């Protein structure tokens, strides 16, 4: 029997839950050509959300093309230009002949050598001199707008892991280059998001950065417990198993409503359930999840400095005033200036988040492991 829960990959179809308001807003932005910046901690379902909104919109709107680019393994401008040009041309083309024709029409500055994949996906790659392209990238940076205008389409370029531009040789100059082109586009728009919340906040909310006020900012929240209750109950019922509303709520709350972990914990519970789940199964599943990740958490903790670990203990202990004299003394954090350095380092590592002075550990299972096994 196929598991009714999914994590670690894009949630589609019945695996997807809630986000109605966010889907509605994304579809409106895509339809009206409004650039969108989507910001949230990692594993909160940004990619699944964008994919869901795109699929729904393209099902009803025949003149829109939504193109997905994942920058996960892109670390240079040349790789970026290559990925952008290949994905755009492939998304607006049908058969191989269309790809060749569109490449000749819209890549006039270059004479690309096109290599096709032998499988049914019709994947292809360019043989351009990317060092030359890097010197004059205008044609590629305007490619989405040019194609949209010529073909009477609306094109939306959705770029995941956008924060990877920080790996480029001169990320600030690259951002200026992108902004100078993309801000002029009328028929192409852009949806930018990624897994490093603090880096994206710096790129899109700092007045000194080129992408400041580039588009509509969307801050993704956790899915409320009541939606998880309905979703988990529905998924159990669809496979002939039962779980009470209270038990479904318990799973969501144990995972702190974290989309990735709610789905993972729910799956572990489902796998352990024959017909009707019990409370003991839920606790066994949580313990199993924590132990699965214990070695990862141990390696992560050992990579931190003593004061950083002490700071995490203070967070778990409910401390609010980290620079107070008693806190500095009780948790051996050094000076108040050192507290700021600790926070900055832990935010940079993606371990904590600071929302208006409220500090929280982003990984709820890591927090459980710290409490139960490390600090116990």
Protein backbone atom coordinates (compact mmCIF):
# COMPACT_ATOMS: atom_id res chain seq x y z
CA UNK A 1 0.00 0.00 0.00
CA UNK A 2 1.29 3.44 -0.93
CA UNK A 3 2.02 5.72 2.02
CA UNK A 4 -0.40 8.67 2.23
CA UNK A 5 2.25 11.08 3.49
CA UNK A 6 5.23 12.61 1.73
CA UNK A 7 8.29 14.57 2.83
CA UNK A 8 11.65 15.42 1.34
CA UNK A 9 10.12 16.09 -2.07
CA UNK A 10 7.46 18.31 -3.57
CA UNK A 11 4.00 17.55 -2.20
CA UNK A 12 1.41 17.33 -4.98
CA UNK A 13 -2.19 16.20 -5.30
CA UNK A 14 -3.67 14.70 -2.14
CA UNK A 15 -0.31 15.04 -0.37
CA UNK A 16 -0.72 18.83 -0.33
CA UNK A 17 -2.76 20.57 2.37
CA UNK A 18 -3.98 24.10 3.19
CA UNK A 19 -2.24 27.22 1.80
CA UNK A 20 -5.44 28.33 0.02
CA UNK A 21 -4.77 32.01 0.72
CA UNK A 22 -1.14 31.77 -0.37
CA UNK A 23 -2.10 29.91 -3.55
CA UNK A 24 -4.68 32.57 -4.36
CA UNK A 25 -2.15 35.38 -3.89
CA UNK A 26 0.53 33.63 -5.95
CA UNK A 27 -1.92 33.00 -8.80
CA UNK A 28 -2.95 36.65 -8.74
CA UNK A 29 0.67 37.79 -8.85
CA UNK A 30 1.53 35.39 -11.67
CA UNK A 31 -1.52 36.47 -13.67
CA UNK A 32 -0.87 40.19 -13.28
CA UNK A 33 2.90 40.03 -13.78
CA UNK A 34 3.82 40.98 -10.21
CA UNK A 35 7.25 39.88 -9.04
CA UNK A 36 7.06 37.75 -5.89
CA UNK A 37 9.55 37.12 -3.09
CA UNK A 38 8.65 34.10 -0.96
CA UNK A 39 10.45 33.88 2.39
CA UNK A 40 10.27 31.26 5.13
CA UNK A 41 12.59 28.85 6.96
CA UNK A 42 13.69 25.73 5.09
CA UNK A 43 11.39 22.73 4.70
CA UNK A 44 8.23 24.75 5.17
CA UNK A 45 6.87 23.80 1.76
CA UNK A 46 7.78 26.77 -0.45
CA UNK A 47 8.56 24.65 -3.50
CA UNK A 48 5.36 22.61 -3.11
CA UNK A 49 3.35 25.81 -2.75
CA UNK A 50 4.80 27.40 -5.89
CA UNK A 51 4.32 24.18 -7.88
CA UNK A 52 0.70 23.86 -6.74
CA UNK A 53 -0.15 27.46 -7.63
CA UNK A 54 1.60 27.14 -11.01
CA UNK A 55 -0.17 23.88 -11.91
CA UNK A 56 -3.59 25.27 -11.02
CA UNK A 57 -3.02 28.46 -13.00
CA UNK A 58 -1.64 26.80 -16.12
CA UNK A 59 -4.60 24.40 -16.10
CA UNK A 60 -7.00 27.32 -16.59
CA UNK A 61 -4.86 29.95 -18.34
CA UNK A 62 -3.54 28.79 -21.71
CA UNK A 63 -1.44 31.90 -22.41
CA UNK A 64 0.80 31.61 -19.36
CA UNK A 65 4.05 29.66 -19.01
CA UNK A 66 5.49 29.10 -15.55
CA UNK A 67 9.08 27.93 -15.61
CA UNK A 68 10.78 26.33 -12.60
CA UNK A 69 14.53 26.60 -12.05
CA UNK A 70 16.32 25.07 -9.06
CA UNK A 71 19.63 26.75 -8.23
CA UNK A 72 20.57 24.05 -5.71
CA UNK A 73 23.76 23.08 -7.59
CA UNK A 74 24.37 26.38 -9.40
CA UNK A 75 27.45 28.18 -8.11
CA UNK A 76 28.49 30.51 -10.93
CA UNK A 77 27.08 33.04 -13.39
CA UNK A 78 27.87 30.77 -16.33
CA UNK A 79 25.84 27.93 -14.79
CA UNK A 80 23.00 30.35 -14.07
CA UNK A 81 22.83 31.61 -17.67
CA UNK A 82 23.00 28.06 -18.98
CA UNK A 83 20.17 26.85 -16.74
CA UNK A 84 17.97 29.87 -17.43
CA UNK A 85 18.31 29.68 -21.23
CA UNK A 86 17.81 25.91 -21.39
CA UNK A 87 14.78 25.88 -19.09
CA UNK A 88 13.06 28.81 -20.79
CA UNK A 89 13.52 27.48 -24.31
CA UNK A 90 12.44 23.99 -23.36
CA UNK A 91 9.34 25.23 -21.49
CA UNK A 92 8.02 27.32 -24.39
CA UNK A 93 8.77 24.69 -27.03
CA UNK A 94 7.02 21.50 -27.94
CA UNK A 95 8.86 19.08 -30.19
CA UNK A 96 12.58 19.04 -30.92
CA UNK A 97 12.02 21.07 -34.07
CA UNK A 98 10.38 23.80 -31.95
CA UNK A 99 13.38 23.93 -29.63
CA UNK A 100 15.75 24.32 -32.57
CA UNK A 101 13.56 27.00 -34.19
CA UNK A 102 13.14 28.96 -30.96
CA UNK A 103 16.84 28.75 -30.22
CA UNK A 104 17.68 30.19 -33.64
CA UNK A 105 15.07 32.93 -33.28
CA UNK A 106 15.74 34.05 -29.73
CA UNK A 107 19.45 33.30 -29.33
CA UNK A 108 20.62 35.26 -32.36
CA UNK A 109 23.74 36.59 -30.69
CA UNK A 110 25.07 33.06 -30.23
CA UNK A 111 25.48 29.95 -32.33
CA UNK A 112 24.70 27.24 -29.79
CA UNK A 113 25.59 23.60 -30.26
CA UNK A 114 22.52 21.73 -29.01
CA UNK A 115 22.85 18.25 -27.50
CA UNK A 116 19.61 16.31 -26.97
CA UNK A 117 18.92 13.57 -24.46
CA UNK A 118 17.85 10.26 -26.04
CA UNK A 119 14.99 9.72 -23.58
CA UNK A 120 11.40 10.93 -23.85
CA UNK A 121 12.03 14.02 -21.73
CA UNK A 122 13.73 15.75 -24.65
CA UNK A 123 16.26 17.38 -22.35
CA UNK A 124 18.96 19.32 -24.11
CA UNK A 125 21.99 21.42 -23.31
CA UNK A 126 23.89 24.23 -24.99
CA UNK A 127 27.49 24.16 -26.11
CA UNK A 128 28.03 27.92 -25.85
CA UNK A 129 31.20 29.59 -24.72
CA UNK A 130 29.85 30.66 -21.35
CA UNK A 131 32.77 32.95 -20.61
CA UNK A 132 31.72 34.99 -23.63
CA UNK A 133 28.09 34.87 -22.54
CA UNK A 134 29.10 36.17 -19.13
CA UNK A 135 30.57 39.27 -20.75
CA UNK A 136 27.38 40.02 -22.70
CA UNK A 137 24.44 38.24 -21.03
CA UNK A 138 21.73 40.69 -22.14
CA UNK A 139 20.09 38.30 -24.58
CA UNK A 140 19.69 35.60 -21.93
CA UNK A 141 18.60 37.98 -19.17
CA UNK A 142 15.91 39.34 -21.50
CA UNK A 143 15.02 35.94 -22.96
CA UNK A 144 11.83 35.40 -20.96
CA UNK A 145 10.54 38.88 -21.82
CA UNK A 146 11.50 38.58 -25.48
CA UNK A 147 9.75 35.23 -25.92
CA UNK A 148 6.67 36.35 -23.98
CA UNK A 149 6.34 39.47 -26.14
CA UNK A 150 6.87 37.71 -29.46
CA UNK A 151 4.56 34.79 -28.71
CA UNK A 152 1.82 36.73 -26.91
CA UNK A 153 2.42 34.91 -23.63
CA UNK A 154 2.88 35.68 -19.97
CA UNK A 155 6.02 34.05 -18.64
CA UNK A 156 6.81 33.55 -14.97
CA UNK A 157 10.29 32.44 -13.97
CA UNK A 158 10.24 30.70 -10.56
CA UNK A 159 13.74 30.38 -9.12
CA UNK A 160 14.34 28.19 -6.07
CA UNK A 161 17.45 28.48 -3.85
CA UNK A 162 17.96 32.01 -5.15
CA UNK A 163 20.33 32.74 -2.26
CA UNK A 164 22.99 30.67 -4.08
CA UNK A 165 23.93 33.84 -5.95
CA UNK A 166 26.07 34.52 -2.87
CA UNK A 167 28.51 31.89 -4.22
CA UNK A 168 29.11 33.84 -7.43
CA UNK A 169 32.38 35.72 -7.89
CA UNK A 170 30.78 39.14 -7.45
CA UNK A 171 27.22 38.60 -6.12
CA UNK A 172 26.45 42.29 -5.67
CA UNK A 173 27.39 43.14 -9.26
CA UNK A 174 25.35 40.16 -10.45
CA UNK A 175 22.28 41.36 -8.53
CA UNK A 176 22.63 44.81 -10.08
CA UNK A 177 22.84 43.20 -13.51
CA UNK A 178 19.69 41.13 -12.94
CA UNK A 179 17.70 44.03 -11.49
CA UNK A 180 18.65 46.38 -14.33
CA UNK A 181 17.14 43.95 -16.86
CA UNK A 182 14.26 42.34 -14.99
CA UNK A 183 12.72 45.57 -13.67
CA UNK A 184 11.99 46.65 -17.26
CA UNK A 185 10.07 43.50 -18.19
CA UNK A 186 6.33 43.83 -18.84
CA UNK A 187 5.34 40.33 -19.98
CA UNK A 188 7.76 38.30 -17.87
CA UNK A 189 7.76 38.26 -14.08
CA UNK A 190 9.79 36.50 -11.41
CA UNK A 191 9.12 34.47 -8.28
CA UNK A 192 12.24 34.16 -6.14
CA UNK A 193 12.60 32.00 -3.04
CA UNK A 194 15.00 29.73 -1.19
CA UNK A 195 15.96 27.94 2.03
CA UNK A 196 18.23 30.53 3.65
CA UNK A 197 15.74 32.93 5.18
CA UNK A 198 18.27 35.34 6.70
CA UNK A 199 20.18 35.67 3.43
CA UNK A 200 17.02 36.33 1.43
CA UNK A 201 15.89 38.92 3.96
CA UNK A 202 19.17 40.74 3.45
CA UNK A 203 18.86 40.60 -0.35
CA UNK A 204 15.24 41.77 -0.56
CA UNK A 205 14.61 43.95 2.49
CA UNK A 206 17.83 45.93 2.85
CA UNK A 207 17.59 49.43 1.27
CA UNK A 208 21.23 49.20 0.20
CA UNK A 209 20.69 46.06 -1.92
CA UNK A 210 19.77 46.08 -5.65
CA UNK A 211 16.69 43.88 -5.17
CA UNK A 212 15.16 46.11 -2.48
CA UNK A 213 11.41 46.49 -3.20
CA UNK A 214 11.72 44.32 -6.30
CA UNK A 215 8.33 42.74 -5.76
CA UNK A 216 5.60 41.56 -3.43
CA UNK A 217 6.98 40.03 -0.24
CA UNK A 218 5.28 36.87 1.05
CA UNK A 219 6.25 35.52 4.47
CA UNK A 220 5.14 31.90 4.79
CA UNK A 221 3.75 30.82 8.18
CA UNK A 222 3.38 27.35 9.60
CA UNK A 223 0.21 25.49 8.67
CA UNK A 224 -2.29 25.81 11.58
CA UNK A 225 -3.05 22.74 13.67
CA UNK A 226 -6.68 22.49 12.56
CA UNK A 227 -5.63 21.96 8.95
CA UNK A 228 -3.20 19.24 9.96
CA UNK A 229 -5.95 17.55 11.98
CA UNK A 230 -8.23 17.30 8.96
CA UNK A 231 -5.40 16.32 6.60
CA UNK A 232 -3.98 13.54 8.80
CA UNK A 233 -7.43 12.10 9.53
CA UNK A 234 -8.32 12.15 5.83
CA UNK A 235 -5.08 10.42 4.82
CA UNK A 236 -5.52 7.69 7.43
CA UNK A 237 -9.15 7.15 6.42
CA UNK A 238 -8.24 6.91 2.71
CA UNK A 239 -6.08 3.88 3.51
CA UNK A 240 -8.55 2.12 5.79
CA UNK A 241 -6.99 3.27 9.06
CA UNK A 242 -8.40 5.49 11.78
CA UNK A 243 -7.00 8.25 13.97
CA UNK A 244 -8.89 10.62 16.23
CA UNK A 245 -8.84 14.38 15.83
CA UNK A 246 -7.03 14.68 19.15
CA UNK A 247 -4.33 12.22 18.05
CA UNK A 248 -3.88 14.00 14.72
CA UNK A 249 -3.51 17.26 16.62
CA UNK A 250 -0.95 15.63 18.88
CA UNK A 251 1.18 14.63 15.89
CA UNK A 252 1.10 18.17 14.51
CA UNK A 253 1.94 19.77 17.84
CA UNK A 254 4.77 17.32 18.58
CA UNK A 255 6.33 18.37 15.27
CA UNK A 256 5.62 22.04 16.07
CA UNK A 257 3.45 22.26 12.93
CA UNK A 258 6.63 22.03 10.83
CA UNK A 259 5.34 20.76 7.42
CA UNK A 260 8.26 18.42 6.74
CA UNK A 261 8.25 16.84 10.19
CA UNK A 262 4.46 16.63 10.50
CA UNK A 263 4.36 14.56 7.31
CA UNK A 264 7.33 12.43 8.42
CA UNK A 265 5.96 11.78 11.91
CA UNK A 266 2.50 11.06 10.51
CA UNK A 267 4.03 8.54 8.11
CA UNK A 268 5.91 6.78 10.91
CA UNK A 269 2.67 6.58 12.88
CA UNK A 270 0.78 5.30 9.84
CA UNK A 271 3.37 2.59 9.17
CA UNK A 272 3.06 1.36 12.77
CA UNK A 273 -0.76 1.29 12.67
CA UNK A 274 -2.69 -1.78 11.59
CA UNK A 275 -6.24 -0.47 11.77
CA UNK A 276 -6.54 1.99 14.65
CA UNK A 277 -3.70 4.11 16.02
CA UNK A 278 -2.95 4.30 19.74
CA UNK A 279 -1.29 7.02 21.80
CA UNK A 280 1.64 4.70 22.49
CA UNK A 281 2.26 4.36 18.74
CA UNK A 282 2.55 8.14 18.42
CA UNK A 283 5.17 8.33 21.19
CA UNK A 284 7.06 5.36 19.74
CA UNK A 285 7.08 7.04 16.31
CA UNK A 286 8.39 10.31 17.76
CA UNK A 287 11.13 8.47 19.63
CA UNK A 288 12.05 6.62 16.45
CA UNK A 289 12.25 9.90 14.50
CA UNK A 290 14.50 11.51 17.10
CA UNK A 291 16.81 8.48 17.18
CA UNK A 292 16.98 8.34 13.37
CA UNK A 293 18.45 11.83 13.38
CA UNK A 294 20.51 11.60 16.57
CA UNK A 295 23.87 11.11 14.83
CA UNK A 296 23.19 14.09 12.56
CA UNK A 297 22.24 16.21 15.57
CA UNK A 298 25.30 15.07 17.51
CA UNK A 299 27.63 16.04 14.66
CA UNK A 300 25.89 19.39 14.36
CA UNK A 301 26.17 20.10 18.08
CA UNK A 302 29.84 19.11 18.18
CA UNK A 303 30.53 21.63 15.40
CA UNK A 304 29.32 24.47 17.62
CA UNK A 305 31.36 26.44 20.13
CA UNK A 306 30.71 26.06 23.85
CA UNK A 307 29.03 29.46 24.07
CA UNK A 308 26.81 28.64 21.09
CA UNK A 309 25.67 25.42 22.79
CA UNK A 310 25.10 27.36 26.01
CA UNK A 311 22.98 29.84 24.08
CA UNK A 312 20.79 27.01 22.76
CA UNK A 313 20.32 25.81 26.34
CA UNK A 314 19.20 29.32 27.30
CA UNK A 315 16.70 29.32 24.41
CA UNK A 316 15.28 25.95 25.47
CA UNK A 317 15.08 27.19 29.06
CA UNK A 318 12.79 30.00 28.00
CA UNK A 319 15.23 32.86 28.47
CA UNK A 320 14.02 36.14 26.94
CA UNK A 321 16.72 38.62 27.95
CA UNK A 322 19.94 37.08 26.70
CA UNK A 323 22.11 40.10 27.51
CA UNK A 324 20.93 40.38 31.11
CA UNK A 325 23.72 40.01 33.67
CA UNK A 326 22.12 36.94 35.27
CA UNK A 327 21.75 35.22 31.88
CA UNK A 328 25.34 35.97 30.89
CA UNK A 329 26.51 34.50 34.19
CA UNK A 330 24.15 31.50 34.44
CA UNK A 331 24.80 30.33 30.90
CA UNK A 332 28.43 31.47 30.59
CA UNK A 333 27.79 33.51 27.46
CA UNK A 334 30.56 36.07 28.03
CA UNK A 335 29.62 39.67 27.24
CA UNK A 336 26.47 41.16 25.71
CA UNK A 337 28.51 41.88 22.56
CA UNK A 338 29.39 38.19 22.42
CA UNK A 339 25.68 37.31 22.60
CA UNK A 340 25.10 39.24 19.38
CA UNK A 341 27.95 37.37 17.71
CA UNK A 342 26.53 34.05 18.89
CA UNK A 343 23.07 34.88 17.55
CA UNK A 344 24.47 35.98 14.20
CA UNK A 345 26.50 32.78 13.88
CA UNK A 346 23.59 30.49 14.77
CA UNK A 347 21.25 32.35 12.40
CA UNK A 348 23.87 32.01 9.65
CA UNK A 349 24.01 28.25 10.28
CA UNK A 350 20.23 28.04 9.99
CA UNK A 351 19.88 26.75 13.55
CA UNK A 352 17.87 29.59 15.10
CA UNK A 353 15.64 32.37 13.89
CA UNK A 354 15.15 35.81 15.40
CA UNK A 355 11.73 37.30 14.75
CA UNK A 356 11.48 40.63 16.48
CA UNK A 357 13.60 39.49 19.40
CA UNK A 358 11.81 36.14 19.75
CA UNK A 359 14.43 33.43 19.37
CA UNK A 360 13.46 29.90 18.38
CA UNK A 361 15.27 26.77 17.26
CA UNK A 362 14.13 26.14 13.68
CA UNK A 363 14.33 22.35 13.75
CA UNK A 364 11.74 21.10 16.28
CA UNK A 365 13.15 17.56 16.36
CA UNK A 366 16.62 18.95 17.04
CA UNK A 367 15.10 20.88 19.94
CA UNK A 368 13.56 17.66 21.31
CA UNK A 369 16.89 15.84 20.98
CA UNK A 370 18.74 18.64 22.77
CA UNK A 371 16.27 18.64 25.66
CA UNK A 372 15.97 14.90 26.10
CA UNK A 373 19.42 13.57 25.25
CA UNK A 374 22.04 16.30 25.16
CA UNK A 375 21.13 18.57 28.05
CA UNK A 376 19.41 15.89 30.10
